[in-house]
């Protein structure tokens, strides 16, 4: 659970904070807010350095220890994240959030009994602490007790399911009802929600009951984006939306259809598209003998449903490594995915991302790296000027880079997804086919870092933000 006084949507907030810091450069509170702002902008390295600066000034700072722990854990260093959470708890033993974050880290590493003790400790301090009840719900889910997990999640949001964010405008606001899941895995929406124009109320459908009065709103933005992780939240969202007269962005029904295995089936018949074979398996059945009976060969990929940014995603090169890989992954079910080797002659792998916004296609980024699992934050874009030049060409004219076959296929994929906001990560094979890695609503876009190195990415980012904000305004007017 992150600690922050608000969410920051654009650089003007950073400029404002820097101005205040120039007058009070030793203010730990302002240093912390600046770190939170950098994180919200998606500037990971500057944000982590800023949190370290806070800790240099105050080694016991709860917010910096917490947020830095979350950042490093989400980026592939769970041991350091856990160490930071332990530090936070040592300095703040009566802070429920410290118990919850350590509990979640323990749960992620399979230490269920210890995790439960931390969640219970948080509830002993504050029985109504939402994140602790939510943590227990996820723990019960990990144990396979889905019924108890659902009851616990409902309890978490029983007394409060809505939070209204600050509005800084002077004219009457455009009121956005933002649906978010108690299970997480939501669309990253804060870059689009301009608090000078929009007043956003976050609502958790897991706390919705018949008779619940919805906050006043002009448009509903369903940000619950992961059908594999948040199916029950999406089902609740469907019932909630039935009571709203407003237009809806990303209907829950459309999002429900984007479960990874269902998406693979839906896209497989599109000309110019290759979708690696994807099947949902009970984890106990993922053994060499049963895979061979179904015609699976190695290497193959294993993925736990409901996780993003490469978390709980393994490549298995031979049968001997299968059991260990399965043991490292959480959940009762796993996706088995055929491995597509898209290395170029220089050994590099390219992962393209485009968004579909209100029926139009927008290029977002091209990540190039040497590993089979490529994400922008772990790619080689900072080190390689030639990679950045290639990405600039893609962002400037994606059709010229991808070719007619791929662009036609992408248009068909956008129609098949049926989302107002969604996207696809993909590669291109030697024949010009779109090789689908992932296609759903959870595709994030962040402001490129300051400076000249990535300045070429800013027009594409600006186009995406403008398109989403225009779509929100258009739906509200309807």
Protein backbone atom coordinates (compact mmCIF):
# COMPACT_ATOMS: atom_id res chain seq x y z
CA UNK A 1 0.00 0.00 0.00
CA UNK A 2 1.54 3.25 -1.20
CA UNK A 3 1.57 6.35 0.98
CA UNK A 4 0.80 9.63 -0.79
CA UNK A 5 -1.34 12.68 -0.14
CA UNK A 6 -2.57 12.71 -3.75
CA UNK A 7 -1.85 11.48 -7.28
CA UNK A 8 0.00 13.77 -9.65
CA UNK A 9 -1.01 13.85 -13.31
CA UNK A 10 1.51 16.05 -15.15
CA UNK A 11 4.68 18.11 -15.01
CA UNK A 12 3.02 21.29 -13.80
CA UNK A 13 2.79 19.64 -10.38
CA UNK A 14 6.53 19.00 -10.43
CA UNK A 15 7.21 22.63 -11.41
CA UNK A 16 5.01 23.79 -8.54
CA UNK A 17 6.79 21.53 -6.04
CA UNK A 18 10.21 22.65 -7.25
CA UNK A 19 9.15 26.24 -6.73
CA UNK A 20 8.08 25.53 -3.17
CA UNK A 21 11.29 23.62 -2.51
CA UNK A 22 13.40 26.55 -3.67
CA UNK A 23 11.91 28.50 -0.76
CA UNK A 24 12.23 25.61 1.73
CA UNK A 25 14.98 23.27 0.44
CA UNK A 26 15.23 21.35 3.72
CA UNK A 27 11.53 20.50 3.96
CA UNK A 28 11.30 16.72 4.25
CA UNK A 29 7.56 16.86 3.51
CA UNK A 30 8.16 18.65 0.22
CA UNK A 31 11.03 16.33 -0.69
CA UNK A 32 8.68 13.40 -0.14
CA UNK A 33 5.88 14.95 -2.20
CA UNK A 34 8.36 15.57 -5.00
CA UNK A 35 9.40 11.89 -4.93
CA UNK A 36 5.72 10.86 -5.09
CA UNK A 37 5.21 13.20 -8.05
CA UNK A 38 8.19 11.73 -9.92
CA UNK A 39 6.84 8.23 -9.31
CA UNK A 40 3.39 9.19 -10.63
CA UNK A 41 4.99 10.63 -13.75
CA UNK A 42 6.62 7.23 -14.32
CA UNK A 43 10.18 8.53 -13.87
CA UNK A 44 11.39 5.52 -11.92
CA UNK A 45 15.08 6.23 -11.44
CA UNK A 46 14.63 9.90 -10.46
CA UNK A 47 11.79 8.86 -8.12
CA UNK A 48 13.92 6.23 -6.37
CA UNK A 49 16.78 8.71 -6.02
CA UNK A 50 14.32 11.23 -4.58
CA UNK A 51 13.05 8.71 -2.01
CA UNK A 52 16.67 7.99 -1.06
CA UNK A 53 17.18 11.73 -0.57
CA UNK A 54 14.23 11.75 1.84
CA UNK A 55 15.74 8.84 3.75
CA UNK A 56 19.08 10.61 3.92
CA UNK A 57 17.30 13.50 5.64
CA UNK A 58 15.09 11.22 7.76
CA UNK A 59 16.10 7.52 7.83
CA UNK A 60 12.85 6.66 9.65
CA UNK A 61 10.49 8.26 7.11
CA UNK A 62 7.53 5.89 6.79
CA UNK A 63 6.36 7.09 3.38
CA UNK A 64 9.79 6.92 1.74
CA UNK A 65 10.58 3.46 3.16
CA UNK A 66 7.17 2.23 2.04
CA UNK A 67 7.07 3.66 -1.47
CA UNK A 68 10.68 2.83 -2.27
CA UNK A 69 10.05 -0.73 -1.06
CA UNK A 70 7.07 -1.04 -3.38
CA UNK A 71 8.99 0.34 -6.34
CA UNK A 72 12.00 -1.95 -6.03
CA UNK A 73 9.78 -4.97 -5.36
CA UNK A 74 7.66 -4.34 -8.44
CA UNK A 75 10.81 -3.99 -10.53
CA UNK A 76 12.28 -7.37 -9.71
CA UNK A 77 14.02 -6.96 -6.32
CA UNK A 78 11.61 -8.38 -3.72
CA UNK A 79 14.39 -8.96 -1.17
CA UNK A 80 15.28 -5.26 -0.99
CA UNK A 81 11.59 -4.35 -0.90
CA UNK A 82 11.03 -6.69 2.02
CA UNK A 83 14.06 -5.25 3.84
CA UNK A 84 12.66 -1.72 3.46
CA UNK A 85 9.25 -2.83 4.77
CA UNK A 86 10.96 -4.47 7.74
CA UNK A 87 12.77 -1.21 8.44
CA UNK A 88 9.50 0.69 8.27
CA UNK A 89 7.89 -1.68 10.75
CA UNK A 90 10.88 -1.49 13.10
CA UNK A 91 10.59 2.30 13.25
CA UNK A 92 6.77 2.40 13.19
CA UNK A 93 5.41 -0.69 14.96
CA UNK A 94 1.99 0.94 15.47
CA UNK A 95 1.52 1.85 11.80
CA UNK A 96 -0.97 -0.57 10.21
CA UNK A 97 0.39 0.20 6.73
CA UNK A 98 3.82 -1.08 7.77
CA UNK A 99 2.34 -4.42 8.83
CA UNK A 100 0.28 -4.66 5.63
CA UNK A 101 3.17 -4.06 3.25
CA UNK A 102 5.43 -6.53 5.01
CA UNK A 103 2.54 -8.98 5.02
CA UNK A 104 2.03 -8.58 1.28
CA UNK A 105 5.76 -9.09 0.65
CA UNK A 106 5.67 -12.27 2.72
CA UNK A 107 2.58 -13.47 0.87
CA UNK A 108 4.24 -12.85 -2.50
CA UNK A 109 7.16 -15.02 -1.37
CA UNK A 110 4.88 -17.85 -0.23
CA UNK A 111 5.24 -17.28 3.54
CA UNK A 112 1.51 -17.45 4.14
CA UNK A 113 1.50 -17.99 7.92
CA UNK A 114 3.83 -15.06 8.56
CA UNK A 115 1.84 -12.89 6.15
CA UNK A 116 -1.41 -13.65 7.96
CA UNK A 117 0.19 -12.66 11.26
CA UNK A 118 1.11 -9.24 9.83
CA UNK A 119 -2.40 -8.61 8.47
CA UNK A 120 -3.92 -9.61 11.80
CA UNK A 121 -1.48 -7.31 13.61
CA UNK A 122 -2.63 -4.41 11.46
CA UNK A 123 -6.28 -5.18 12.24
CA UNK A 124 -5.48 -5.37 15.95
CA UNK A 125 -4.32 -1.75 15.68
CA UNK A 126 -7.18 -0.64 13.41
CA UNK A 127 -9.99 -3.19 12.85
CA UNK A 128 -11.37 -1.14 9.94
CA UNK A 129 -8.08 -0.73 8.08
CA UNK A 130 -9.08 -1.35 4.46
CA UNK A 131 -5.69 -2.56 3.21
CA UNK A 132 -5.39 -5.16 5.99
CA UNK A 133 -8.80 -6.64 5.22
CA UNK A 134 -7.91 -6.61 1.54
CA UNK A 135 -4.59 -8.34 2.31
CA UNK A 136 -6.41 -11.12 4.15
CA UNK A 137 -8.78 -11.50 1.19
CA UNK A 138 -5.82 -12.00 -1.16
CA UNK A 139 -4.28 -14.45 1.31
CA UNK A 140 -7.45 -16.55 1.43
CA UNK A 141 -7.53 -16.44 -2.37
CA UNK A 142 -3.95 -17.72 -2.48
CA UNK A 143 -5.00 -20.59 -0.23
CA UNK A 144 -7.77 -21.48 -2.65
CA UNK A 145 -10.61 -20.38 -0.35
CA UNK A 146 -12.38 -18.14 -2.88
CA UNK A 147 -15.62 -17.88 -0.90
CA UNK A 148 -13.88 -16.63 2.23
CA UNK A 149 -11.73 -14.31 0.12
CA UNK A 150 -14.83 -12.70 -1.40
CA UNK A 151 -16.43 -12.20 2.02
CA UNK A 152 -13.26 -10.59 3.34
CA UNK A 153 -13.03 -8.30 0.32
CA UNK A 154 -16.63 -7.21 0.82
CA UNK A 155 -15.86 -6.50 4.46
CA UNK A 156 -12.88 -4.35 3.46
CA UNK A 157 -15.11 -1.91 1.58
CA UNK A 158 -18.31 -2.37 3.55
CA UNK A 159 -18.21 1.00 5.32
CA UNK A 160 -16.49 3.06 2.64
CA UNK A 161 -16.23 2.29 -1.04
CA UNK A 162 -15.78 5.80 -2.49
CA UNK A 163 -13.06 8.46 -2.22
CA UNK A 164 -13.24 11.86 -3.95
CA UNK A 165 -9.92 13.29 -5.12
CA UNK A 166 -9.02 17.01 -4.91
CA UNK A 167 -10.34 19.37 -7.59
CA UNK A 168 -8.28 22.48 -8.36
CA UNK A 169 -10.40 24.11 -11.07
CA UNK A 170 -12.65 27.13 -10.77
CA UNK A 171 -15.44 26.21 -13.23
CA UNK A 172 -17.99 23.48 -12.47
CA UNK A 173 -16.09 20.19 -12.83
CA UNK A 174 -16.60 17.30 -15.18
CA UNK A 175 -17.42 14.56 -12.65
CA UNK A 176 -15.74 11.20 -13.32
CA UNK A 177 -16.76 8.05 -11.47
CA UNK A 178 -13.62 5.92 -11.64
CA UNK A 179 -14.19 2.24 -10.92
CA UNK A 180 -11.21 0.47 -9.31
CA UNK A 181 -10.83 -3.10 -8.11
CA UNK A 182 -10.18 -4.19 -4.55
CA UNK A 183 -7.94 -6.85 -6.08
CA UNK A 184 -5.74 -4.38 -7.97
CA UNK A 185 -4.55 -4.66 -11.59
CA UNK A 186 -6.32 -1.49 -12.67
CA UNK A 187 -5.60 0.68 -15.70
CA UNK A 188 -3.13 3.50 -14.96
CA UNK A 189 -5.49 6.45 -15.41
CA UNK A 190 -4.03 9.33 -13.38
CA UNK A 191 -2.20 10.92 -16.37
CA UNK A 192 -5.58 11.42 -18.02
CA UNK A 193 -7.57 12.84 -15.10
CA UNK A 194 -6.80 16.56 -15.15
CA UNK A 195 -7.80 17.90 -11.73
CA UNK A 196 -8.24 21.40 -13.19
CA UNK A 197 -11.14 20.09 -15.30
CA UNK A 198 -12.25 16.81 -13.73
CA UNK A 199 -13.34 15.89 -10.24
CA UNK A 200 -12.66 12.19 -9.81
CA UNK A 201 -14.41 9.91 -7.35
CA UNK A 202 -12.83 6.49 -7.01
CA UNK A 203 -15.40 3.77 -6.35
CA UNK A 204 -14.66 0.14 -5.46
CA UNK A 205 -17.44 -2.09 -6.84
CA UNK A 206 -16.49 -4.83 -4.36
CA UNK A 207 -18.30 -2.67 -1.77
CA UNK A 208 -21.38 -2.14 -3.94
CA UNK A 209 -24.76 -3.45 -2.75
CA UNK A 210 -28.25 -3.14 -4.18
CA UNK A 211 -29.53 0.16 -2.90
CA UNK A 212 -26.10 1.77 -2.72
CA UNK A 213 -26.39 5.39 -3.83
CA UNK A 214 -23.69 6.22 -6.35
CA UNK A 215 -21.79 9.51 -6.12
CA UNK A 216 -22.90 12.22 -8.54
CA UNK A 217 -21.13 11.78 -11.86
CA UNK A 218 -21.21 12.70 -15.54
CA UNK A 219 -19.28 9.72 -16.93
CA UNK A 220 -18.10 6.32 -15.70
CA UNK A 221 -14.53 5.25 -16.42
CA UNK A 222 -14.11 1.57 -15.63
CA UNK A 223 -10.40 1.22 -14.87
CA UNK A 224 -10.70 -2.43 -13.77
CA UNK A 225 -8.57 -3.86 -16.54
CA UNK A 226 -7.40 -7.37 -15.73
CA UNK A 227 -10.09 -9.97 -16.35
CA UNK A 228 -7.92 -12.75 -14.97
CA UNK A 229 -7.30 -11.08 -11.60
CA UNK A 230 -10.49 -9.09 -11.03
CA UNK A 231 -13.35 -11.10 -12.52
CA UNK A 232 -15.59 -10.74 -9.45
CA UNK A 233 -14.92 -6.98 -9.33
CA UNK A 234 -15.95 -6.69 -12.97
CA UNK A 235 -19.13 -8.64 -12.29
CA UNK A 236 -19.96 -6.21 -9.48
CA UNK A 237 -19.16 -3.32 -11.80
CA UNK A 238 -21.74 -4.60 -14.27
CA UNK A 239 -24.43 -4.44 -11.59
CA UNK A 240 -23.30 -0.98 -10.51
CA UNK A 241 -23.35 0.42 -14.04
CA UNK A 242 -26.91 -0.82 -14.50
CA UNK A 243 -27.90 1.85 -11.96
CA UNK A 244 -26.05 4.70 -13.67
CA UNK A 245 -27.54 6.84 -16.46
CA UNK A 246 -24.07 8.00 -17.56
CA UNK A 247 -22.00 6.82 -20.52
CA UNK A 248 -19.35 4.19 -19.71
CA UNK A 249 -15.76 3.96 -20.89
CA UNK A 250 -14.62 0.31 -21.08
CA UNK A 251 -17.75 -1.60 -20.23
CA UNK A 252 -17.06 -4.42 -17.74
CA UNK A 253 -18.53 -6.91 -20.21
CA UNK A 254 -15.93 -5.96 -22.83
CA UNK A 255 -13.12 -6.21 -20.29
CA UNK A 256 -14.33 -9.61 -19.08
CA UNK A 257 -13.81 -10.92 -22.61
CA UNK A 258 -10.08 -10.06 -22.47
CA UNK A 259 -8.92 -12.92 -20.25
CA UNK A 260 -5.58 -14.05 -21.67
CA UNK A 261 -6.69 -17.43 -22.99
CA UNK A 262 -9.97 -16.07 -24.40
CA UNK A 263 -8.13 -13.24 -26.14
CA UNK A 264 -5.77 -15.73 -27.75
CA UNK A 265 -8.76 -17.59 -29.16
CA UNK A 266 -10.49 -14.41 -30.40
CA UNK A 267 -7.46 -13.02 -32.20
CA UNK A 268 -6.15 -16.25 -33.69
CA UNK A 269 -8.23 -16.00 -36.88
CA UNK A 270 -7.20 -12.48 -37.87
CA UNK A 271 -5.15 -12.41 -41.06
CA UNK A 272 -1.60 -11.20 -40.51
CA UNK A 273 -1.70 -12.16 -36.82
CA UNK A 274 0.11 -14.93 -34.98
CA UNK A 275 -1.06 -15.71 -31.47
CA UNK A 276 1.12 -18.10 -29.46
CA UNK A 277 -0.86 -21.06 -28.18
CA UNK A 278 -2.19 -20.19 -24.71
CA UNK A 279 -3.97 -22.55 -22.33
CA UNK A 280 -5.12 -22.28 -18.73
CA UNK A 281 -3.98 -25.24 -16.62
CA UNK A 282 -4.48 -26.36 -13.06
CA UNK A 283 -1.02 -25.95 -11.54
CA UNK A 284 -0.87 -29.57 -10.37
CA UNK A 285 -1.36 -30.73 -13.95
CA UNK A 286 1.63 -28.78 -15.28
CA UNK A 287 3.99 -31.76 -15.49
CA UNK A 288 6.06 -32.98 -18.46
CA UNK A 289 3.96 -36.07 -19.10
CA UNK A 290 0.64 -34.26 -19.35
CA UNK A 291 2.11 -31.45 -21.42
CA UNK A 292 3.56 -33.97 -23.87
CA UNK A 293 0.18 -35.68 -24.17
CA UNK A 294 -1.28 -32.34 -25.29
CA UNK A 295 1.48 -31.74 -27.81
CA UNK A 296 3.47 -29.12 -25.87
CA UNK A 297 7.19 -28.81 -26.52
CA UNK A 298 10.00 -26.84 -24.89
CA UNK A 299 10.91 -24.06 -24.48
CA UNK A 300 7.58 -22.79 -23.21
CA UNK A 301 6.37 -19.99 -20.95
CA UNK A 302 4.48 -20.19 -17.66
CA UNK A 303 2.57 -17.23 -16.28
CA UNK A 304 0.45 -16.74 -13.16
CA UNK A 305 -2.88 -15.11 -14.11
CA UNK A 306 -3.44 -11.53 -13.03
CA UNK A 307 0.11 -10.17 -12.83
CA UNK A 308 1.65 -7.43 -14.95
CA UNK A 309 5.12 -6.02 -15.76
CA UNK A 310 6.65 -9.47 -16.10
CA UNK A 311 5.95 -10.55 -12.51
CA UNK A 312 5.47 -14.30 -12.00
CA UNK A 313 6.35 -15.03 -15.61
CA UNK A 314 8.88 -17.80 -16.37
CA UNK A 315 10.56 -19.34 -19.39
CA UNK A 316 11.19 -23.07 -19.09
CA UNK A 317 13.74 -24.43 -21.55
CA UNK A 318 13.54 -28.15 -20.74
CA UNK A 319 11.35 -30.60 -18.81
CA UNK A 320 13.87 -30.85 -15.96
CA UNK A 321 13.27 -27.22 -15.02
CA UNK A 322 9.48 -27.39 -15.03
CA UNK A 323 8.79 -28.35 -11.41
CA UNK A 324 10.99 -25.60 -10.00
CA UNK A 325 9.37 -22.98 -12.24
CA UNK A 326 5.86 -24.08 -11.22
CA UNK A 327 6.87 -23.90 -7.55
CA UNK A 328 7.97 -20.28 -7.94
CA UNK A 329 4.60 -19.17 -9.33
CA UNK A 330 1.51 -18.37 -7.20
CA UNK A 331 -2.08 -19.41 -7.76
CA UNK A 332 -4.20 -22.48 -8.41
CA UNK A 333 -3.99 -22.03 -12.18
CA UNK A 334 -1.23 -21.15 -14.61
CA UNK A 335 -1.13 -20.12 -18.23
CA UNK A 336 1.00 -22.32 -20.46
CA UNK A 337 2.13 -20.27 -23.46
CA UNK A 338 4.11 -21.29 -26.52
CA UNK A 339 7.43 -19.48 -26.77
CA UNK A 340 7.95 -17.38 -29.91
CA UNK A 341 11.60 -16.63 -30.62
CA UNK A 342 11.65 -13.19 -32.25
CA UNK A 343 15.33 -12.41 -31.89
CA UNK A 344 16.80 -10.41 -34.74
CA UNK A 345 20.14 -11.32 -36.31
CA UNK A 346 21.92 -9.15 -33.72
CA UNK A 347 20.22 -11.06 -30.91
CA UNK A 348 17.88 -8.21 -29.93
CA UNK A 349 14.15 -8.55 -29.21
CA UNK A 350 11.64 -5.82 -30.06
CA UNK A 351 8.39 -5.24 -28.22
CA UNK A 352 6.04 -2.68 -29.72
CA UNK A 353 3.10 -1.12 -27.87
CA UNK A 354 0.13 0.65 -29.43
CA UNK A 355 -3.09 1.83 -27.82
CA UNK A 356 -6.61 1.77 -29.20
CA UNK A 357 -8.44 4.88 -27.97
CA UNK A 358 -12.01 5.50 -29.06
CA UNK A 359 -11.43 3.48 -32.22
CA UNK A 360 -8.09 5.02 -33.25
CA UNK A 361 -4.58 3.62 -33.04
CA UNK A 362 -1.78 5.42 -31.17
CA UNK A 363 1.85 4.23 -30.98
CA UNK A 364 3.23 4.36 -27.44
CA UNK A 365 6.72 2.89 -27.39
CA UNK A 366 9.20 0.41 -28.79
CA UNK A 367 11.33 -1.45 -26.24
CA UNK A 368 14.47 -3.21 -27.52
CA UNK A 369 16.65 -5.48 -25.41
CA UNK A 370 18.64 -8.68 -25.36
CA UNK A 371 16.48 -10.69 -22.92
CA UNK A 372 13.52 -12.78 -24.04
CA UNK A 373 11.30 -10.81 -21.61
CA UNK A 374 11.44 -7.17 -22.66
CA UNK A 375 9.86 -4.27 -20.77
CA UNK A 376 10.62 -0.63 -21.33
CA UNK A 377 12.03 -0.14 -17.82
CA UNK A 378 14.45 -3.07 -18.28
CA UNK A 379 15.28 -2.59 -21.99
CA UNK A 380 18.47 -1.09 -23.40
CA UNK A 381 16.97 2.19 -24.60
CA UNK A 382 19.08 4.46 -22.40
CA UNK A 383 22.34 2.83 -23.47
CA UNK A 384 21.70 2.60 -27.22
CA UNK A 385 21.26 5.69 -29.40
CA UNK A 386 20.48 3.47 -32.39
CA UNK A 387 17.60 1.87 -30.49
CA UNK A 388 16.22 5.31 -29.63
CA UNK A 389 16.49 6.37 -33.26
CA UNK A 390 14.54 3.26 -34.27
CA UNK A 391 11.87 4.00 -31.68
CA UNK A 392 11.64 7.59 -32.91
CA UNK A 393 10.93 6.31 -36.43
CA UNK A 394 8.20 4.02 -35.08
CA UNK A 395 6.55 6.81 -33.10
CA UNK A 396 6.81 9.24 -36.01
CA UNK A 397 5.30 6.91 -38.63
CA UNK A 398 4.36 3.51 -37.25
CA UNK A 399 2.75 2.47 -40.54
CA UNK A 400 6.00 2.94 -42.46
CA UNK A 401 7.91 0.90 -39.86
CA UNK A 402 5.40 -1.92 -39.42
CA UNK A 403 4.09 -2.25 -42.96
CA UNK A 404 0.62 -2.59 -44.43
CA UNK A 405 0.09 -6.20 -43.35
CA UNK A 406 0.77 -5.42 -39.70
CA UNK A 407 -1.23 -2.18 -39.68
CA UNK A 408 -4.25 -3.94 -41.18
CA UNK A 409 -3.96 -6.69 -38.58
CA UNK A 410 -3.70 -4.15 -35.74
CA UNK A 411 -6.86 -2.40 -36.91
CA UNK A 412 -8.70 -5.74 -36.86
CA UNK A 413 -7.31 -6.53 -33.41
CA UNK A 414 -8.58 -3.20 -32.08
CA UNK A 415 -12.06 -3.97 -33.41
CA UNK A 416 -11.99 -7.47 -31.94
CA UNK A 417 -11.00 -6.21 -28.48
CA UNK A 418 -13.96 -3.83 -28.45
CA UNK A 419 -12.44 -1.57 -25.77
CA UNK A 420 -12.72 2.21 -25.60
CA UNK A 421 -9.24 2.18 -24.05
CA UNK A 422 -6.96 -0.80 -24.57
CA UNK A 423 -3.81 -1.84 -26.28
CA UNK A 424 -1.46 -4.52 -27.45
CA UNK A 425 2.17 -5.51 -26.89
CA UNK A 426 3.53 -7.38 -29.90
CA UNK A 427 6.47 -8.32 -32.04
CA UNK A 428 6.83 -8.55 -35.82
CA UNK A 429 8.07 -11.73 -37.45
CA UNK A 430 10.08 -12.03 -40.66
CA UNK A 431 6.89 -12.21 -42.75
CA UNK A 432 5.50 -8.99 -41.28
CA UNK A 433 2.93 -10.71 -39.06
CA UNK A 434 1.86 -9.25 -35.71
CA UNK A 435 2.93 -11.71 -33.00
CA UNK A 436 0.68 -11.02 -30.01
CA UNK A 437 2.28 -10.92 -26.57
CA UNK A 438 -0.63 -9.35 -24.71
CA UNK A 439 -3.82 -7.45 -25.62
CA UNK A 440 -6.09 -5.93 -22.99
CA UNK A 441 -7.03 -2.75 -21.13
CA UNK A 442 -4.08 -2.59 -18.73
CA UNK A 443 -1.57 -0.98 -21.09
CA UNK A 444 0.09 1.91 -19.26
CA UNK A 445 1.57 5.09 -20.69
CA UNK A 446 3.92 7.39 -18.76
CA UNK A 447 5.43 10.78 -19.42
CA UNK A 448 8.95 10.34 -20.90
CA UNK A 449 11.83 11.51 -18.67
CA UNK A 450 12.93 15.13 -18.78
CA UNK A 451 15.84 16.08 -21.00
CA UNK A 452 16.79 15.71 -24.62
CA UNK A 453 17.45 11.97 -24.69
CA UNK A 454 13.77 10.97 -24.78
CA UNK A 455 12.27 14.24 -26.01
CA UNK A 456 11.21 12.47 -29.22
CA UNK A 457 8.71 10.41 -27.20
CA UNK A 458 6.78 13.39 -25.86
CA UNK A 459 4.55 14.07 -28.90
CA UNK A 460 3.29 10.47 -28.85
CA UNK A 461 2.60 10.71 -25.11
CA UNK A 462 0.82 14.03 -25.55
CA UNK A 463 -1.35 12.60 -28.32
CA UNK A 464 -2.45 9.71 -26.08
CA UNK A 465 -3.30 11.97 -23.13
CA UNK A 466 -5.19 14.40 -25.36
CA UNK A 467 -7.16 11.55 -26.96
CA UNK A 468 -8.21 10.03 -23.64
CA UNK A 469 -9.18 13.39 -22.16
CA UNK A 470 -11.20 14.19 -25.30
CA UNK A 471 -12.93 10.81 -25.04
CA UNK A 472 -13.85 11.44 -21.39
CA UNK A 473 -15.29 14.83 -22.30
CA UNK A 474 -17.19 13.40 -25.26
CA UNK A 475 -18.75 10.61 -23.19
CA UNK A 476 -19.74 13.09 -20.47
CA UNK A 477 -21.53 15.28 -23.06
CA UNK A 478 -23.44 12.28 -24.31
